[in-house]
Amino acid sequence: ATVFGTCHRLQSLPPEKRSMWNREMDCLLSICEYIVEFAPTVQARPDGSTHDVMATSPRSDILMNLPALEKLETMLLGILDSFDKAEFWYADQRKQSFTETKKPSSFKRNEDKWWLPEPCVPESGLSDALHRELQHKRDQASQIHKMAMEINNAILSEMQIPSSYIETLPKIMHFCCSNNRPGKSGRVTSYTGTCPRGISSRRTTSSTSST
């Protein structure tokens, strides 16, 4: 979402950003109201008799995974809220003079990412307690990301892809999106899990070399 992509600071979201966050999430989730399954159910009439009707309920994967994703969202916002009284702060680039920007700093700024805010710490550095807390919050955020990715990959692995669409893809994508069985639709699967060993190893070697 737009707000999530602009969260570059470890601090609680301002009220206007939190409101926009909620509006964006409501917009993204509104489509779920129309992704339903039909199931027969018995409905009672006023006279006491019953009749069969088709009732709707959220699709099973949404019913199972959406509460988990909402819990992860709450945990993520909780992490941001926990930094309200941190020992560090961020420099206001608009108020810094030219001489201030040239002063030596213990923080080495990455000029390739000039748009990111510059964190500032006291001259004595951060306390041991805050170091431990930051590491704990980082581990928490990593777990949130891992769990969200697992849910995402599980959903993608169950999505059917029409074989007519697979045929239009480049050959290398056939290994990633097709089960290579003629006449049957493929499924969306993870890139590294379905590519041939040669392709996967070349990708890994390339990534390692660039690192």
Protein backbone atom coordinates (compact mmCIF):
# COMPACT_ATOMS: atom_id res chain seq x y z
CA ALA A 1 0.00 0.00 0.00
CA THR A 2 1.05 3.61 -0.49
CA VAL A 3 1.48 4.44 3.20
CA PHE A 4 3.46 1.28 3.94
CA GLY A 5 5.89 2.12 1.14
CA THR A 6 6.61 5.54 2.65
CA CYS A 7 7.28 4.32 6.20
CA HIS A 8 11.00 5.05 6.39
CA ARG A 9 11.20 5.84 10.10
CA LEU A 10 11.02 3.72 13.23
CA GLN A 11 8.25 5.71 14.86
CA SER A 12 4.51 5.66 15.37
CA LEU A 13 2.46 6.65 12.33
CA PRO A 14 1.13 10.22 12.47
CA PRO A 15 -2.69 10.42 12.73
CA GLU A 16 -3.12 11.41 9.08
CA LYS A 17 -0.95 8.53 7.86
CA ARG A 18 -2.69 6.06 10.16
CA SER A 19 -6.05 7.21 8.82
CA MET A 20 -4.81 6.79 5.25
CA TRP A 21 -3.40 3.36 6.14
CA ASN A 22 -6.81 2.26 7.42
CA ARG A 23 -8.58 3.62 4.33
CA GLU A 24 -6.18 1.81 2.02
CA MET A 25 -6.58 -1.48 3.89
CA ASP A 26 -10.38 -1.13 3.82
CA CYS A 27 -10.20 -0.50 0.07
CA LEU A 28 -7.95 -3.51 -0.55
CA LEU A 29 -10.10 -5.81 1.59
CA SER A 30 -13.47 -4.62 0.29
CA ILE A 31 -13.24 -7.00 -2.67
CA CYS A 32 -13.22 -9.93 -0.23
CA GLU A 33 -16.91 -9.31 0.42
CA TYR A 34 -17.62 -10.51 -3.12
CA ILE A 35 -15.29 -13.54 -3.11
CA VAL A 36 -17.70 -16.06 -1.65
CA GLU A 37 -18.68 -19.71 -1.86
CA PHE A 38 -22.22 -21.03 -2.10
CA ALA A 39 -23.37 -23.85 0.12
CA PRO A 40 -26.83 -25.38 0.66
CA THR A 41 -28.45 -24.62 3.98
CA VAL A 42 -31.84 -25.09 5.58
CA GLN A 43 -33.89 -21.97 6.32
CA ALA A 44 -36.98 -21.90 8.53
CA ARG A 45 -40.21 -20.25 7.38
CA PRO A 46 -42.50 -18.26 9.71
CA ASP A 47 -45.01 -21.14 9.67
CA GLY A 48 -42.40 -23.54 11.02
CA SER A 49 -41.66 -25.35 7.78
CA THR A 50 -38.19 -25.40 6.27
CA HIS A 51 -36.76 -25.10 2.78
CA ASP A 52 -33.32 -25.41 1.23
CA VAL A 53 -31.51 -22.27 0.09
CA MET A 54 -28.02 -21.47 -1.13
CA ALA A 55 -26.16 -19.37 1.43
CA THR A 56 -22.91 -17.51 0.88
CA SER A 57 -19.81 -17.53 3.05
CA PRO A 58 -16.28 -16.17 2.54
CA ARG A 59 -14.09 -18.40 0.42
CA SER A 60 -12.31 -20.94 2.60
CA ASP A 61 -8.79 -19.58 2.05
CA ILE A 62 -9.94 -16.04 2.89
CA LEU A 63 -11.81 -17.26 5.95
CA MET A 64 -8.68 -19.02 7.17
CA ASN A 65 -5.92 -16.57 6.22
CA LEU A 66 -7.45 -13.10 6.53
CA PRO A 67 -7.64 -13.14 10.37
CA ALA A 68 -3.98 -14.20 10.46
CA LEU A 69 -2.97 -11.37 8.12
CA GLU A 70 -4.95 -8.86 10.19
CA LYS A 71 -3.12 -10.07 13.29
CA LEU A 72 0.23 -9.60 11.52
CA GLU A 73 -0.84 -6.07 10.58
CA THR A 74 -1.64 -5.30 14.23
CA MET A 75 1.76 -6.66 15.28
CA LEU A 76 3.53 -4.53 12.67
CA LEU A 77 1.77 -1.35 13.79
CA GLY A 78 2.58 -2.29 17.38
CA ILE A 79 6.28 -2.40 16.55
CA LEU A 80 6.12 1.11 15.07
CA ASP A 81 4.16 2.40 18.08
CA SER A 82 6.81 1.03 20.46
CA PHE A 83 9.41 3.51 19.17
CA ASP A 84 7.64 6.61 20.52
CA LYS A 85 10.22 7.12 23.29
CA ALA A 86 13.36 5.86 21.58
CA GLU A 87 16.82 7.29 22.24
CA PHE A 88 17.39 8.12 18.58
CA TRP A 89 15.76 10.65 16.26
CA TYR A 90 15.90 11.70 12.63
CA ALA A 91 17.56 14.76 11.15
CA ASP A 92 15.30 17.23 9.41
CA GLN A 93 17.03 17.63 6.05
CA ARG A 94 15.08 20.79 5.30
CA LYS A 95 16.48 22.57 8.36
CA GLN A 96 20.08 21.42 8.07
CA SER A 97 22.63 23.96 6.91
CA PHE A 98 25.39 23.15 4.45
CA THR A 99 28.02 23.06 7.23
CA GLU A 100 25.91 20.73 9.35
CA THR A 101 25.59 18.24 6.52
CA LYS A 102 29.39 18.21 6.21
CA LYS A 103 30.00 17.43 9.89
CA PRO A 104 31.46 13.98 10.59
CA SER A 105 28.95 11.48 11.86
CA SER A 106 29.12 7.94 13.23
CA PHE A 107 26.35 7.06 10.78
CA LYS A 108 27.59 6.46 7.24
CA ARG A 109 24.91 7.63 4.89
CA ASN A 110 24.22 5.64 1.73
CA GLU A 111 24.18 8.26 -1.00
CA ASP A 112 22.48 5.82 -3.36
CA LYS A 113 19.42 6.05 -1.09
CA TRP A 114 19.45 9.79 -0.47
CA TRP A 115 15.70 9.91 0.10
CA LEU A 116 15.90 7.89 3.31
CA PRO A 117 15.89 9.94 6.55
CA GLU A 118 19.17 10.20 8.44
CA PRO A 119 19.04 8.70 11.97
CA CYS A 120 20.83 10.52 14.80
CA VAL A 121 22.03 9.09 18.11
CA PRO A 122 23.49 10.67 21.28
CA GLU A 123 27.27 11.15 21.40
CA SER A 124 27.48 8.33 23.95
CA GLY A 125 25.67 6.00 21.58
CA LEU A 126 22.65 3.84 22.22
CA SER A 127 22.17 2.04 25.51
CA ASP A 128 22.60 -1.73 25.75
CA ALA A 129 18.92 -2.06 26.57
CA LEU A 130 17.91 -0.29 23.37
CA HIS A 131 20.36 -2.39 21.36
CA ARG A 132 18.66 -5.52 22.66
CA GLU A 133 15.21 -4.05 22.02
CA LEU A 134 16.12 -3.09 18.45
CA GLN A 135 17.39 -6.60 17.76
CA HIS A 136 14.22 -8.06 19.25
CA LYS A 137 12.02 -5.79 17.12
CA ARG A 138 14.03 -6.68 14.04
CA ASP A 139 13.53 -10.38 14.72
CA GLN A 140 9.81 -9.75 15.21
CA ALA A 141 9.55 -7.87 11.92
CA SER A 142 11.44 -10.65 10.13
CA GLN A 143 9.00 -13.22 11.50
CA ILE A 144 6.03 -11.11 10.40
CA HIS A 145 7.49 -10.90 6.89
CA LYS A 146 8.22 -14.64 6.85
CA MET A 147 4.69 -15.55 7.94
CA ALA A 148 3.11 -13.18 5.41
CA MET A 149 5.25 -14.67 2.64
CA GLU A 150 4.28 -18.20 3.66
CA ILE A 151 0.59 -17.31 3.46
CA ASN A 152 1.14 -15.58 0.11
CA ASN A 153 3.05 -18.54 -1.34
CA ALA A 154 0.44 -21.00 -0.10
CA ILE A 155 -2.33 -19.04 -1.83
CA LEU A 156 -0.34 -18.72 -5.06
CA SER A 157 0.42 -22.44 -5.09
CA GLU A 158 -3.31 -23.19 -5.16
CA MET A 159 -4.15 -20.76 -7.96
CA GLN A 160 -4.97 -22.42 -11.27
CA ILE A 161 -3.34 -20.99 -14.40
CA PRO A 162 -5.06 -21.65 -17.74
CA SER A 163 -2.81 -23.66 -20.04
CA SER A 164 -3.61 -21.22 -22.85
CA TYR A 165 -1.91 -18.47 -20.81
CA ILE A 166 1.11 -20.63 -19.98
CA GLU A 167 1.68 -21.28 -23.68
CA THR A 168 2.17 -17.55 -24.29
CA LEU A 169 4.97 -17.25 -21.72
CA PRO A 170 8.70 -17.43 -22.55
CA LYS A 171 10.17 -20.92 -22.31
CA ILE A 172 11.97 -20.27 -19.03
CA MET A 173 8.67 -19.36 -17.36
CA HIS A 174 7.19 -22.73 -18.29
CA PHE A 175 9.46 -24.31 -15.68
CA CYS A 176 8.21 -21.89 -13.04
CA CYS A 177 4.48 -21.76 -13.77
CA SER A 178 3.70 -25.07 -15.45
CA ASN A 179 3.71 -28.61 -14.18
CA ASN A 180 4.82 -29.68 -17.68
CA ARG A 181 1.91 -32.08 -18.07
CA PRO A 182 0.13 -31.60 -21.40
CA GLY A 183 -3.55 -30.82 -21.27
CA LYS A 184 -3.60 -29.75 -17.64
CA SER A 185 -3.59 -26.31 -16.11
CA GLY A 186 -0.55 -25.31 -14.15
CA ARG A 187 -0.24 -23.67 -10.77
CA VAL A 188 1.63 -20.63 -9.56
CA THR A 189 4.66 -21.84 -7.64
CA SER A 190 7.78 -20.29 -6.19
CA TYR A 191 10.59 -19.52 -8.60
CA THR A 192 13.37 -21.44 -6.90
CA GLY A 193 11.20 -24.44 -6.13
CA THR A 194 10.26 -25.28 -9.71
CA CYS A 195 13.08 -24.11 -11.97
CA PRO A 196 15.46 -26.74 -13.33
CA ARG A 197 18.64 -27.24 -11.35
CA GLY A 198 20.81 -25.60 -13.98
CA ILE A 199 18.72 -22.45 -14.11
CA SER A 200 18.41 -22.27 -10.33
CA SER A 201 22.16 -22.71 -9.80
CA ARG A 202 22.99 -20.04 -12.36
CA ARG A 203 20.63 -17.64 -10.61
CA THR A 204 22.21 -18.44 -7.22
CA THR A 205 25.75 -18.03 -8.57
CA SER A 206 24.86 -14.72 -10.17
CA SER A 207 23.30 -13.44 -6.94
CA THR A 208 26.34 -14.52 -4.91
CA SER A 209 28.75 -12.87 -7.31
CA SER A 210 26.87 -9.59 -7.25
CA THR A 211 26.84 -9.66 -3.46
